[in-house]
Amino acid sequence: MSFGVSDAISMVTLIRQVYRNRRIIGALFDWEGKRLEGDPRLEVEVHYAHGKPQAGSDYWWYSVKPFDDYLFVRMPVNPGGVAEAVDKAEGQDLIAQAPKSTDARYFRYVQANPLKEWVNVRVSFMVFAYKPSDLLSVSKE
């Protein structure tokens, strides 16, 4: 599991309060990865367990399309019963083969306390983006 929602909120708050003159952008996405509102530069791609959507499939991952030098903070809008999992390696069919390592660019939301297995949860989520160079340049000012 990645860091928690409270950590994500703390990160966004830090960037906004301490570095007021720095730019942070954000957008809201539905569980299908469609932007509902926010900055149009933020785009989410959906990756399915077998490379394509299948009826009844409970496994998919998201990734935020990279642009410029931005880094991303992601968080679900209803974090009570969900957790973020990072566990897809590029080009791997996770159902057919176990990944050799994980890649934090690929994430999904799963139930916080699974009964049998980790399955995706249909939850909207926010993505915030910031440039690390903006944060690092503050210490030089």
C-alpha atoms as a PDB file:
ATOM      1  CA  MET A   1       0.000   0.000   0.000  1.00  0.00           C
ATOM      2  CA  SER A   2       1.111   3.552  -0.641  1.00  0.00           C
ATOM      3  CA  PHE A   3       0.983   6.345   1.883  1.00  0.00           C
ATOM      4  CA  GLY A   4      -2.405   7.211   3.334  1.00  0.00           C
ATOM      5  CA  VAL A   5      -4.961   9.837   2.432  1.00  0.00           C
ATOM      6  CA  SER A   6      -4.001  11.972   5.430  1.00  0.00           C
ATOM      7  CA  ASP A   7      -0.427  12.029   4.109  1.00  0.00           C
ATOM      8  CA  ALA A   8      -1.671  13.125   0.678  1.00  0.00           C
ATOM      9  CA  ILE A   9      -3.781  15.897   2.212  1.00  0.00           C
ATOM     10  CA  SER A  10      -0.807  17.012   4.305  1.00  0.00           C
ATOM     11  CA  MET A  11       1.391  17.166   1.209  1.00  0.00           C
ATOM     12  CA  VAL A  12      -1.114  19.294  -0.722  1.00  0.00           C
ATOM     13  CA  THR A  13      -1.637  21.551   2.319  1.00  0.00           C
ATOM     14  CA  LEU A  14       2.121  22.009   2.723  1.00  0.00           C
ATOM     15  CA  ILE A  15       2.553  22.988  -0.895  1.00  0.00           C
ATOM     16  CA  ARG A  16      -0.357  25.434  -0.786  1.00  0.00           C
ATOM     17  CA  GLN A  17       0.428  27.096   2.568  1.00  0.00           C
ATOM     18  CA  VAL A  18       4.201  27.232   2.678  1.00  0.00           C
ATOM     19  CA  TYR A  19       4.767  27.845  -1.013  1.00  0.00           C
ATOM     20  CA  ARG A  20       1.872  30.184  -1.789  1.00  0.00           C
ATOM     21  CA  ASN A  21       3.589  31.632  -4.846  1.00  0.00           C
ATOM     22  CA  ARG A  22       4.051  28.183  -6.384  1.00  0.00           C
ATOM     23  CA  ARG A  23       1.585  26.655  -8.807  1.00  0.00           C
ATOM     24  CA  ILE A  24      -0.374  23.536  -7.943  1.00  0.00           C
ATOM     25  CA  ILE A  25      -3.067  22.207 -10.253  1.00  0.00           C
ATOM     26  CA  GLY A  26      -5.763  19.627  -9.671  1.00  0.00           C
ATOM     27  CA  ALA A  27      -8.647  17.710 -11.179  1.00  0.00           C
ATOM     28  CA  LEU A  28     -11.445  15.372 -10.111  1.00  0.00           C
ATOM     29  CA  PHE A  29     -11.927  12.035 -11.908  1.00  0.00           C
ATOM     30  CA  ASP A  30     -14.688   9.448 -11.743  1.00  0.00           C
ATOM     31  CA  TRP A  31     -13.947   5.758 -11.179  1.00  0.00           C
ATOM     32  CA  GLU A  32     -13.697   5.232 -14.943  1.00  0.00           C
ATOM     33  CA  GLY A  33     -10.864   7.757 -15.185  1.00  0.00           C
ATOM     34  CA  LYS A  34     -12.939  10.498 -16.827  1.00  0.00           C
ATOM     35  CA  ARG A  35     -12.143  14.057 -15.731  1.00  0.00           C
ATOM     36  CA  LEU A  36     -15.232  15.606 -14.138  1.00  0.00           C
ATOM     37  CA  GLU A  37     -13.666  19.012 -13.527  1.00  0.00           C
ATOM     38  CA  GLY A  38     -10.322  20.671 -13.075  1.00  0.00           C
ATOM     39  CA  ASP A  39      -7.226  21.401 -15.109  1.00  0.00           C
ATOM     40  CA  PRO A  40      -7.436  19.868 -18.609  1.00  0.00           C
ATOM     41  CA  ARG A  41      -3.696  19.098 -18.598  1.00  0.00           C
ATOM     42  CA  LEU A  42      -4.339  16.356 -16.050  1.00  0.00           C
ATOM     43  CA  GLU A  43      -5.332  13.127 -17.770  1.00  0.00           C
ATOM     44  CA  VAL A  44      -5.797   9.626 -16.372  1.00  0.00           C
ATOM     45  CA  GLU A  45      -5.349   6.410 -18.335  1.00  0.00           C
ATOM     46  CA  VAL A  46      -7.064   3.160 -17.364  1.00  0.00           C
ATOM     47  CA  HIS A  47      -5.185  -0.144 -17.681  1.00  0.00           C
ATOM     48  CA  TYR A  48      -7.146  -3.389 -17.534  1.00  0.00           C
ATOM     49  CA  ALA A  49      -5.869  -6.645 -16.053  1.00  0.00           C
ATOM     50  CA  HIS A  50      -5.880  -8.460 -19.382  1.00  0.00           C
ATOM     51  CA  GLY A  51      -5.104  -5.443 -21.547  1.00  0.00           C
ATOM     52  CA  LYS A  52      -8.757  -4.748 -22.398  1.00  0.00           C
ATOM     53  CA  PRO A  53     -12.043  -4.336 -20.520  1.00  0.00           C
ATOM     54  CA  GLN A  54     -13.820  -7.603 -19.810  1.00  0.00           C
ATOM     55  CA  ALA A  55     -17.338  -8.118 -18.531  1.00  0.00           C
ATOM     56  CA  GLY A  56     -17.271  -8.688 -14.802  1.00  0.00           C
ATOM     57  CA  SER A  57     -13.571  -7.808 -14.457  1.00  0.00           C
ATOM     58  CA  ASP A  58     -12.722  -6.475 -11.014  1.00  0.00           C
ATOM     59  CA  TYR A  59      -9.130  -5.538 -11.858  1.00  0.00           C
ATOM     60  CA  TRP A  60      -7.958  -2.296 -13.418  1.00  0.00           C
ATOM     61  CA  TRP A  61      -5.268   0.254 -12.714  1.00  0.00           C
ATOM     62  CA  TYR A  62      -4.910   3.957 -13.341  1.00  0.00           C
ATOM     63  CA  SER A  63      -1.937   6.099 -14.272  1.00  0.00           C
ATOM     64  CA  VAL A  64      -1.657   9.855 -14.614  1.00  0.00           C
ATOM     65  CA  LYS A  65      -0.284  10.878 -17.997  1.00  0.00           C
ATOM     66  CA  PRO A  66       3.008  12.651 -17.343  1.00  0.00           C
ATOM     67  CA  PHE A  67       3.559  16.177 -18.627  1.00  0.00           C
ATOM     68  CA  ASP A  68       6.310  18.752 -18.187  1.00  0.00           C
ATOM     69  CA  ASP A  69       8.110  18.133 -14.896  1.00  0.00           C
ATOM     70  CA  TYR A  70       5.046  17.685 -12.697  1.00  0.00           C
ATOM     71  CA  LEU A  71       4.719  15.078  -9.935  1.00  0.00           C
ATOM     72  CA  PHE A  72       1.340  13.842  -8.743  1.00  0.00           C
ATOM     73  CA  VAL A  73      -0.508  13.344  -5.457  1.00  0.00           C
ATOM     74  CA  ARG A  74      -3.618  11.140  -5.737  1.00  0.00           C
ATOM     75  CA  MET A  75      -6.448  10.604  -3.276  1.00  0.00           C
ATOM     76  CA  PRO A  76      -9.952   9.129  -3.300  1.00  0.00           C
ATOM     77  CA  VAL A  77     -12.875  11.430  -2.451  1.00  0.00           C
ATOM     78  CA  ASN A  78     -14.351   8.864  -0.037  1.00  0.00           C
ATOM     79  CA  PRO A  79     -11.307   7.403   1.714  1.00  0.00           C
ATOM     80  CA  GLY A  80     -13.150   5.698   4.587  1.00  0.00           C
ATOM     81  CA  GLY A  81     -13.279   2.183   3.201  1.00  0.00           C
ATOM     82  CA  VAL A  82     -10.626   2.266   0.489  1.00  0.00           C
ATOM     83  CA  ALA A  83      -6.855   2.118   0.229  1.00  0.00           C
ATOM     84  CA  GLU A  84      -4.552   2.886  -2.669  1.00  0.00           C
ATOM     85  CA  ALA A  85      -2.559  -0.050  -4.012  1.00  0.00           C
ATOM     86  CA  VAL A  86       0.361   0.204  -6.430  1.00  0.00           C
ATOM     87  CA  ASP A  87       1.086  -3.046  -8.136  1.00  0.00           C
ATOM     88  CA  LYS A  88       1.235  -3.015 -11.916  1.00  0.00           C
ATOM     89  CA  ALA A  89       4.414  -3.209 -13.905  1.00  0.00           C
ATOM     90  CA  GLU A  90       4.308  -1.878 -17.464  1.00  0.00           C
ATOM     91  CA  GLY A  91       3.232  -4.482 -20.007  1.00  0.00           C
ATOM     92  CA  GLN A  92       2.445  -7.257 -17.521  1.00  0.00           C
ATOM     93  CA  ASP A  93      -0.789  -9.207 -17.377  1.00  0.00           C
ATOM     94  CA  LEU A  94      -1.131  -9.429 -13.604  1.00  0.00           C
ATOM     95  CA  ILE A  95      -3.671 -12.204 -13.718  1.00  0.00           C
ATOM     96  CA  ALA A  96      -1.458 -14.437 -15.859  1.00  0.00           C
ATOM     97  CA  GLN A  97       1.851 -13.639 -14.156  1.00  0.00           C
ATOM     98  CA  ALA A  98       2.991 -12.144 -10.908  1.00  0.00           C
ATOM     99  CA  PRO A  99       4.942  -8.898 -11.326  1.00  0.00           C
ATOM    100  CA  LYS A 100       8.640  -8.961 -10.509  1.00  0.00           C
ATOM    101  CA  SER A 101       8.411  -5.475  -9.047  1.00  0.00           C
ATOM    102  CA  THR A 102       5.789  -2.799  -8.584  1.00  0.00           C
ATOM    103  CA  ASP A 103       5.584   0.571 -10.281  1.00  0.00           C
ATOM    104  CA  ALA A 104       4.095   3.451  -8.278  1.00  0.00           C
ATOM    105  CA  ARG A 105       2.930   5.200 -11.461  1.00  0.00           C
ATOM    106  CA  TYR A 106       0.174   2.562 -11.662  1.00  0.00           C
ATOM    107  CA  PHE A 107      -2.412   2.572  -8.882  1.00  0.00           C
ATOM    108  CA  ARG A 108      -5.871   1.364  -8.005  1.00  0.00           C
ATOM    109  CA  TYR A 109      -8.283   1.718  -5.125  1.00  0.00           C
ATOM    110  CA  VAL A 110      -9.190  -1.418  -3.211  1.00  0.00           C
ATOM    111  CA  GLN A 111     -11.302  -2.108  -0.159  1.00  0.00           C
ATOM    112  CA  ALA A 112      -9.429  -1.333   3.039  1.00  0.00           C
ATOM    113  CA  ASN A 113     -10.195  -4.684   4.703  1.00  0.00           C
ATOM    114  CA  PRO A 114     -10.807  -7.368   2.100  1.00  0.00           C
ATOM    115  CA  LEU A 115     -12.715 -10.495   3.040  1.00  0.00           C
ATOM    116  CA  LYS A 116     -11.179 -12.784   0.410  1.00  0.00           C
ATOM    117  CA  GLU A 117      -9.105 -10.886  -2.131  1.00  0.00           C
ATOM    118  CA  TRP A 118      -8.183  -7.366  -3.169  1.00  0.00           C
ATOM    119  CA  VAL A 119     -10.737  -6.110  -5.678  1.00  0.00           C
ATOM    120  CA  ASN A 120     -11.131  -2.636  -7.089  1.00  0.00           C
ATOM    121  CA  VAL A 121     -13.512  -0.131  -5.541  1.00  0.00           C
ATOM    122  CA  ARG A 122     -15.444   2.242  -7.786  1.00  0.00           C
ATOM    123  CA  VAL A 123     -14.558   5.586  -6.224  1.00  0.00           C
ATOM    124  CA  SER A 124     -13.937   9.043  -7.654  1.00  0.00           C
ATOM    125  CA  PHE A 125     -10.521  10.509  -6.947  1.00  0.00           C
ATOM    126  CA  MET A 126      -8.559  13.734  -7.133  1.00  0.00           C
ATOM    127  CA  VAL A 127      -5.141  14.296  -8.643  1.00  0.00           C
ATOM    128  CA  PHE A 128      -2.958  17.250  -7.658  1.00  0.00           C
ATOM    129  CA  ALA A 129       0.198  18.135  -9.581  1.00  0.00           C
ATOM    130  CA  TYR A 130       3.206  20.224  -8.608  1.00  0.00           C
ATOM    131  CA  LYS A 131       6.720  20.868  -9.889  1.00  0.00           C
ATOM    132  CA  PRO A 132       9.470  19.730  -7.509  1.00  0.00           C
ATOM    133  CA  SER A 133      11.749  22.420  -8.945  1.00  0.00           C
ATOM    134  CA  ASP A 134       9.329  25.058  -7.600  1.00  0.00           C
ATOM    135  CA  LEU A 135       9.593  23.617  -4.106  1.00  0.00           C
ATOM    136  CA  LEU A 136      13.356  23.205  -4.252  1.00  0.00           C
ATOM    137  CA  SER A 137      13.937  26.721  -5.573  1.00  0.00           C
ATOM    138  CA  VAL A 138      12.316  28.226  -2.445  1.00  0.00           C
ATOM    139  CA  SER A 139      15.335  27.202  -0.375  1.00  0.00           C
ATOM    140  CA  LYS A 140      17.586  29.180  -2.756  1.00  0.00           C
ATOM    141  CA  GLU A 141      15.570  32.421  -2.525  1.00  0.00           C
END
